Amino acid sequence: MELKSKIAQFEFENPLMNASGVWCENAEKLDEMKNSSSGSFVTKSATPQLREGNPSPRYVEVPLGSINSMGLPNLGFDFYLNYSLKFQEENPGKINFLSIAGMSMEDNLEMLHKLNDSDFKGLTELNLSCPNVPGKPQIGYDFEATEKILEKAFEFFKKPLGVKLPPYFDFAHFDEMAEILNQFPLAYVNCINSVGNGLYIDTENESVVIKPKDGFGGIGGAYVKPTALANVRAFYTRLNKNIKIIGCGGVESGKDVFEHLLCGAEMVQIGTHLARNGVQVFDKILTELSEIMNQKGYNSIDEFRGKLKSL
C-alpha cells in the first residue's frame, strides 16, 4: 500500500506529522518525533530569542480536546536551526519542517534571512496565526499584513516556504486569503491553528481553567475537526494546485486522517491527541488508515485525495 506524500520536491513515507507546538519544544521530544513512525516532523514555532511563554496553567486537557494560551515558549531560533542542520546531516535525504513565529514582521524577516543563508534544506513554515502588534489582529486575520510580509519574504527567500493559517469562518475570507496566497510561489498552507479565544469553565470551582488572558485560549481536539476540514476543503478548491495543503485539527484516528485527505490535504498533523498519548499514536493511526484504504480498495492516497463528493 502506497502512503507516500509529497510537498515541493520532498517525498515522505506517510502523511503524518506532529502539529507545531506539540512534542517538539526540546531535543528530547524532537528525537522522539524523529524516531517515530511519522512521515516527518516540525519544530516548535521559534522566535529570534528564547521565550519562557505565559504563566501556568496554560495548557489544559478538557473532555473533547484542549485549551491553551502558551505564549510561544521556545528555545530560540538558533536552537531549532542547529537541530535541523544536525538532523539532515545525520539522515541524508531526509528533511524536517522548521517553524518560525516572530513577534513582529522584522523578527520574521530576520529569521527568514538567516534560514535563506544557512545550509537548511528542509521546509520553512511561517506561522501567520500568532499575536503580532498589540491592538491588531494576528497576521492571518490582517489580510494587508499577510500580503505585505509575503511580498517582502519572496523578494529574497529562495527555499520552500509554507504558511500556517488561523481558521476562517466566512466564504468571503476564504476567497480573499486564497487570492493573496495564489500570488506567491508557496509550497503549502497549513490549516488550521487552534480556534482562538475559546473559554472553558470549571463549574465546581466556578473559575476558568487557564491563567493567561483571563482564561481565554485556543481550542484544539475533536471540538475543531469540522472547522479544520472546512478550511482544508475551502483552500484545496481555491488555491493553485502547486500549493499543497497540510490539514490539522481534531485528528485522533485513521478515519480522521482519511477525512482530511479526502478534503484535499497532502499531509496531516496531530496535536492534542499526540500531547495526550505520545508518539505511539502514529503507529495506531497509520494502521487504521491502511485498514480503511484496504476496505475501500485504495492502493494509494492519490486515488482519493481531494475527491470529496458533493450532494
Protein backbone atom coordinates (compact mmCIF):
# COMPACT_ATOMS: atom_id res chain seq x y z
CA MET A 1 0.00 0.00 0.00
CA GLU A 2 1.24 3.45 -1.01
CA LEU A 3 1.05 6.05 1.78
CA LYS A 4 3.62 8.46 0.35
CA SER A 5 3.01 12.21 0.29
CA LYS A 6 4.89 14.98 -1.48
CA ILE A 7 5.40 18.68 -0.80
CA ALA A 8 7.68 20.76 -3.04
CA GLN A 9 10.47 18.41 -4.15
CA PHE A 10 10.25 16.30 -0.98
CA GLU A 11 8.65 12.88 -0.62
CA PHE A 12 7.54 11.49 2.72
CA GLU A 13 6.89 7.83 3.63
CA ASN A 14 3.45 8.69 5.02
CA PRO A 15 1.32 11.82 5.53
CA LEU A 16 1.52 12.06 9.35
CA MET A 17 3.32 14.75 11.38
CA ASN A 18 3.11 16.48 14.73
CA ALA A 19 1.50 19.90 14.92
CA SER A 20 3.97 22.64 15.71
CA GLY A 21 3.94 23.24 19.45
CA VAL A 22 3.36 19.59 20.30
CA TRP A 23 6.17 17.12 21.07
CA CYS A 24 8.81 19.40 19.55
CA GLU A 25 9.91 22.03 22.05
CA ASN A 26 13.26 20.48 23.06
CA ALA A 27 15.85 17.98 21.79
CA GLU A 28 14.40 15.06 23.74
CA LYS A 29 10.90 15.47 22.28
CA LEU A 30 12.26 16.18 18.79
CA ASP A 31 14.35 12.99 18.99
CA GLU A 32 11.20 11.03 19.86
CA MET A 33 9.43 12.53 16.85
CA LYS A 34 12.44 11.80 14.64
CA ASN A 35 12.43 8.14 15.74
CA SER A 36 8.66 7.69 15.50
CA SER A 37 6.74 6.27 12.54
CA SER A 38 5.54 9.74 11.47
CA GLY A 39 6.31 10.80 7.91
CA SER A 40 8.06 13.97 9.09
CA PHE A 41 8.11 16.44 11.98
CA VAL A 42 8.00 20.18 12.55
CA THR A 43 9.85 22.15 15.21
CA LYS A 44 8.28 24.42 17.81
CA SER A 45 7.50 27.84 16.34
CA ALA A 46 10.67 29.82 17.02
CA THR A 47 11.19 33.43 17.99
CA PRO A 48 14.63 35.03 17.49
CA GLN A 49 15.46 34.56 21.20
CA LEU A 50 14.39 32.05 23.85
CA ARG A 51 10.95 32.74 25.35
CA GLU A 52 9.52 31.42 28.61
CA GLY A 53 5.93 31.93 27.44
CA ASN A 54 2.85 32.59 29.55
CA PRO A 55 2.39 31.64 33.22
CA SER A 56 0.89 28.23 34.06
CA PRO A 57 -1.58 26.66 33.94
CA ARG A 58 -1.52 27.46 30.23
CA TYR A 59 -2.47 24.11 28.62
CA VAL A 60 -5.37 22.04 29.96
CA GLU A 61 -6.95 18.89 28.57
CA VAL A 62 -10.75 19.09 28.50
CA PRO A 63 -13.28 16.37 27.57
CA LEU A 64 -13.27 16.82 23.79
CA GLY A 65 -9.84 18.35 23.35
CA SER A 66 -7.72 21.08 24.89
CA ILE A 67 -7.49 24.78 25.65
CA ASN A 68 -4.20 26.65 25.68
CA SER A 69 -2.59 30.04 25.87
CA MET A 70 1.07 29.08 25.67
CA GLY A 71 2.60 32.42 24.72
CA LEU A 72 5.14 30.88 22.32
CA PRO A 73 7.56 29.28 24.81
CA ASN A 74 10.55 28.06 22.79
CA LEU A 75 14.32 27.65 22.95
CA GLY A 76 15.02 30.31 20.34
CA PHE A 77 15.62 30.21 16.59
CA ASP A 78 19.27 29.14 16.70
CA PHE A 79 18.45 26.00 18.71
CA TYR A 80 15.89 24.76 16.16
CA LEU A 81 18.06 25.65 13.18
CA ASN A 82 21.06 23.81 14.66
CA TYR A 83 18.89 20.79 15.49
CA SER A 84 17.54 20.73 11.93
CA LEU A 85 21.01 21.04 10.36
CA LYS A 86 22.27 18.16 12.50
CA PHE A 87 19.21 16.07 11.61
CA GLN A 88 19.69 16.48 7.85
CA GLU A 89 23.44 15.80 8.19
CA GLU A 90 22.83 12.55 10.09
CA ASN A 91 19.89 11.47 7.90
CA PRO A 92 20.92 12.06 4.26
CA GLY A 93 17.92 12.59 2.02
CA LYS A 94 15.59 13.39 4.94
CA ILE A 95 14.36 16.82 5.92
CA ASN A 96 12.09 18.36 8.53
CA PHE A 97 9.90 21.43 8.78
CA LEU A 98 11.19 24.44 10.74
CA SER A 99 8.51 26.78 12.09
CA ILE A 100 9.07 30.47 12.82
CA ALA A 101 6.72 32.91 14.56
CA GLY A 102 8.30 36.27 15.19
CA MET A 103 6.58 38.84 17.37
CA SER A 104 6.89 41.36 14.53
CA MET A 105 7.38 41.42 10.78
CA GLU A 106 11.02 42.39 11.38
CA ASP A 107 11.52 39.28 13.55
CA ASN A 108 10.12 37.03 10.83
CA LEU A 109 12.17 38.61 8.05
CA GLU A 110 15.33 38.39 10.17
CA MET A 111 14.81 34.64 10.72
CA LEU A 112 13.95 34.08 7.04
CA HIS A 113 17.19 35.82 6.04
CA LYS A 114 19.15 33.53 8.38
CA LEU A 115 17.42 30.44 7.01
CA ASN A 116 17.99 31.54 3.43
CA ASP A 117 21.72 32.00 4.12
CA SER A 118 22.05 28.72 6.06
CA ASP A 119 22.54 25.13 4.87
CA PHE A 120 18.98 24.23 5.90
CA LYS A 121 17.49 22.17 3.08
CA GLY A 122 14.02 21.50 4.52
CA LEU A 123 10.68 23.28 4.53
CA THR A 124 10.18 26.54 6.40
CA GLU A 125 6.81 27.29 7.97
CA LEU A 126 5.91 30.91 8.59
CA ASN A 127 3.32 30.93 11.36
CA LEU A 128 0.83 33.68 10.50
CA SER A 129 -1.52 32.55 13.27
CA CYS A 130 0.21 34.19 16.19
CA PRO A 131 -0.13 37.51 18.02
CA ASN A 132 1.55 40.36 16.20
CA VAL A 133 1.11 44.01 17.17
CA PRO A 134 -0.86 44.77 20.38
CA GLY A 135 -4.28 46.05 19.38
CA LYS A 136 -4.06 44.46 15.92
CA PRO A 137 -5.37 41.03 14.94
CA GLN A 138 -2.96 38.13 14.36
CA ILE A 139 -1.33 38.41 10.94
CA GLY A 140 -3.55 35.75 9.36
CA TYR A 141 -6.62 37.89 10.09
CA ASP A 142 -4.93 41.05 8.78
CA PHE A 143 -5.05 40.45 5.02
CA GLU A 144 -2.98 43.54 4.22
CA ALA A 145 -0.23 42.49 6.65
CA THR A 146 -0.24 38.94 5.23
CA GLU A 147 0.25 40.20 1.69
CA LYS A 148 2.97 42.61 2.82
CA ILE A 149 5.06 40.03 4.68
CA LEU A 150 4.84 37.54 1.80
CA GLU A 151 5.86 40.23 -0.70
CA LYS A 152 8.89 41.10 1.43
CA ALA A 153 9.79 37.45 2.08
CA PHE A 154 9.74 36.38 -1.55
CA GLU A 155 11.96 39.31 -2.55
CA PHE A 156 14.87 37.26 -1.17
CA PHE A 157 13.72 33.87 0.16
CA LYS A 158 14.60 31.11 -2.32
CA LYS A 159 13.81 27.97 -0.31
CA PRO A 160 10.47 26.13 0.02
CA LEU A 161 8.14 28.15 2.24
CA GLY A 162 4.72 27.38 3.69
CA VAL A 163 2.39 29.36 5.92
CA LYS A 164 0.33 28.31 8.93
CA LEU A 165 -3.10 29.90 8.97
CA PRO A 166 -5.73 30.55 11.61
CA PRO A 167 -9.22 29.16 10.97
CA TYR A 168 -11.56 31.19 8.76
CA PHE A 169 -15.33 31.06 9.04
CA ASP A 170 -16.65 33.04 6.09
CA PHE A 171 -16.61 32.34 2.36
CA ALA A 172 -15.52 35.92 1.69
CA HIS A 173 -12.44 35.35 3.87
CA PHE A 174 -11.58 32.06 2.13
CA ASP A 175 -11.81 33.88 -1.20
CA GLU A 176 -9.77 36.89 -0.11
CA MET A 177 -6.99 34.92 1.57
CA ALA A 178 -6.74 32.45 -1.34
CA GLU A 179 -6.43 35.34 -3.78
CA ILE A 180 -3.50 36.71 -1.76
CA LEU A 181 -1.77 33.32 -1.36
CA ASN A 182 -2.12 32.49 -5.06
CA GLN A 183 0.14 35.45 -5.91
CA PHE A 184 3.14 33.69 -4.34
CA PRO A 185 5.18 30.51 -5.01
CA LEU A 186 4.24 28.91 -1.70
CA ALA A 187 5.00 25.23 -1.13
CA TYR A 188 1.97 24.72 1.12
CA VAL A 189 -0.54 26.20 3.53
CA ASN A 190 -1.28 24.64 6.91
CA CYS A 191 -4.94 24.69 8.03
CA ILE A 192 -5.67 25.23 10.91
CA ASN A 193 -4.14 26.57 14.06
CA SER A 194 -6.30 26.25 17.17
CA VAL A 195 -9.67 28.03 17.19
CA GLY A 196 -8.88 31.22 19.04
CA ASN A 197 -10.32 32.69 22.20
CA GLY A 198 -12.49 29.91 23.49
CA LEU A 199 -13.37 29.68 27.16
CA TYR A 200 -13.62 26.53 29.29
CA ILE A 201 -15.09 26.65 32.78
CA ASP A 202 -14.52 24.53 35.88
CA THR A 203 -18.08 24.60 37.26
CA GLU A 204 -17.15 23.11 40.62
CA ASN A 205 -14.72 25.95 41.33
CA GLU A 206 -16.67 28.47 39.24
CA SER A 207 -13.45 29.52 37.55
CA VAL A 208 -11.63 29.47 34.25
CA VAL A 209 -9.07 26.67 33.77
CA ILE A 210 -6.04 28.51 32.35
CA LYS A 211 -4.29 31.51 33.85
CA PRO A 212 -3.32 33.76 30.87
CA LYS A 213 -5.76 36.11 29.15
CA ASP A 214 -8.42 35.77 31.85
CA GLY A 215 -8.95 32.14 30.80
CA PHE A 216 -9.37 32.71 27.06
CA GLY A 217 -7.35 30.33 24.87
CA GLY A 218 -7.03 28.35 21.67
CA ILE A 219 -9.29 25.31 21.38
CA GLY A 220 -7.94 22.07 19.89
CA GLY A 221 -9.01 18.45 19.57
CA ALA A 222 -12.33 16.95 18.47
CA TYR A 223 -14.10 20.29 19.02
CA VAL A 224 -12.36 21.78 15.98
CA LYS A 225 -12.40 18.97 13.40
CA PRO A 226 -15.38 20.25 11.36
CA THR A 227 -13.78 23.71 11.19
CA ALA A 228 -10.41 22.22 10.20
CA LEU A 229 -11.96 20.07 7.46
CA ALA A 230 -13.88 23.07 6.12
CA ASN A 231 -10.67 25.12 5.90
CA VAL A 232 -8.74 22.31 4.21
CA ARG A 233 -11.53 21.88 1.67
CA ALA A 234 -12.02 25.61 1.10
CA PHE A 235 -8.33 26.20 0.35
CA TYR A 236 -7.89 22.98 -1.65
CA THR A 237 -10.61 24.15 -4.03
CA ARG A 238 -9.31 27.74 -4.23
CA LEU A 239 -5.51 27.55 -4.31
CA ASN A 240 -3.22 26.86 -7.26
CA LYS A 241 -2.64 23.10 -7.43
CA ASN A 242 1.12 23.52 -6.82
CA ILE A 243 0.31 24.89 -3.33
CA LYS A 244 -0.26 21.82 -1.16
CA ILE A 245 -2.41 21.69 1.97
CA ILE A 246 -1.42 20.36 5.39
CA GLY A 247 -4.51 19.53 7.44
CA CYS A 248 -4.52 19.94 11.21
CA GLY A 249 -7.33 19.74 13.72
CA GLY A 250 -9.22 17.03 15.57
CA VAL A 251 -7.14 14.07 14.39
CA GLU A 252 -7.42 11.07 16.72
CA SER A 253 -7.87 8.14 14.33
CA GLY A 254 -7.22 6.79 10.86
CA LYS A 255 -10.75 7.86 9.94
CA ASP A 256 -9.94 11.48 10.86
CA VAL A 257 -6.82 11.35 8.67
CA PHE A 258 -8.84 9.81 5.82
CA GLU A 259 -11.31 12.71 6.05
CA HIS A 260 -8.55 15.34 5.92
CA LEU A 261 -7.01 13.61 2.88
CA LEU A 262 -10.42 13.31 1.21
CA CYS A 263 -10.83 17.09 1.65
CA GLY A 264 -7.51 17.60 -0.16
CA ALA A 265 -4.76 17.54 2.47
CA GLU A 266 -1.34 16.32 1.36
CA MET A 267 -0.15 15.76 4.93
CA VAL A 268 -1.99 15.67 8.25
CA GLN A 269 -0.76 16.92 11.62
CA ILE A 270 -1.70 15.67 15.08
CA GLY A 271 -1.75 18.00 18.10
CA THR A 272 -3.99 17.45 21.13
CA HIS A 273 -4.16 13.65 20.66
CA LEU A 274 -0.36 13.46 20.41
CA ALA A 275 0.07 15.66 23.51
CA ARG A 276 -2.25 13.33 25.42
CA ASN A 277 -0.91 9.95 24.25
CA GLY A 278 2.66 10.31 22.93
CA VAL A 279 4.35 9.29 19.69
CA GLN A 280 2.93 5.75 19.64
CA VAL A 281 -0.28 7.30 18.22
CA PHE A 282 1.36 7.37 14.79
CA ASP A 283 1.57 3.55 14.60
CA LYS A 284 -2.07 3.11 15.59
CA ILE A 285 -3.36 5.80 13.21
CA LEU A 286 -1.31 4.51 10.26
CA THR A 287 -2.71 1.01 10.85
CA GLU A 288 -6.26 2.38 10.96
CA LEU A 289 -5.73 4.45 7.80
CA SER A 290 -4.36 1.39 5.95
CA GLU A 291 -7.37 -0.67 7.07
CA ILE A 292 -9.81 1.95 5.73
CA MET A 293 -7.96 2.10 2.41
CA ASN A 294 -7.98 -1.71 2.21
CA GLN A 295 -11.71 -1.88 2.83
CA LYS A 296 -12.33 0.72 0.13
CA GLY A 297 -9.91 -0.86 -2.35
CA TYR A 298 -7.50 2.06 -2.49
CA ASN A 299 -3.83 1.27 -3.15
CA SER A 300 -2.57 4.83 -2.72
CA ILE A 301 -3.65 8.10 -1.12
CA ASP A 302 -3.63 9.82 -4.52
CA GLU A 303 -6.57 7.64 -5.60
CA PHE A 304 -8.91 9.50 -3.23
CA ARG A 305 -7.11 12.68 -2.12
CA GLY A 306 -9.32 15.73 -2.69
CA LYS A 307 -12.16 13.67 -4.18
CA LEU A 308 -14.80 14.56 -1.63
CA LYS A 309 -18.22 14.22 -3.27
CA SER A 310 -20.86 16.93 -3.17
CA LEU A 311 -24.55 16.10 -2.99
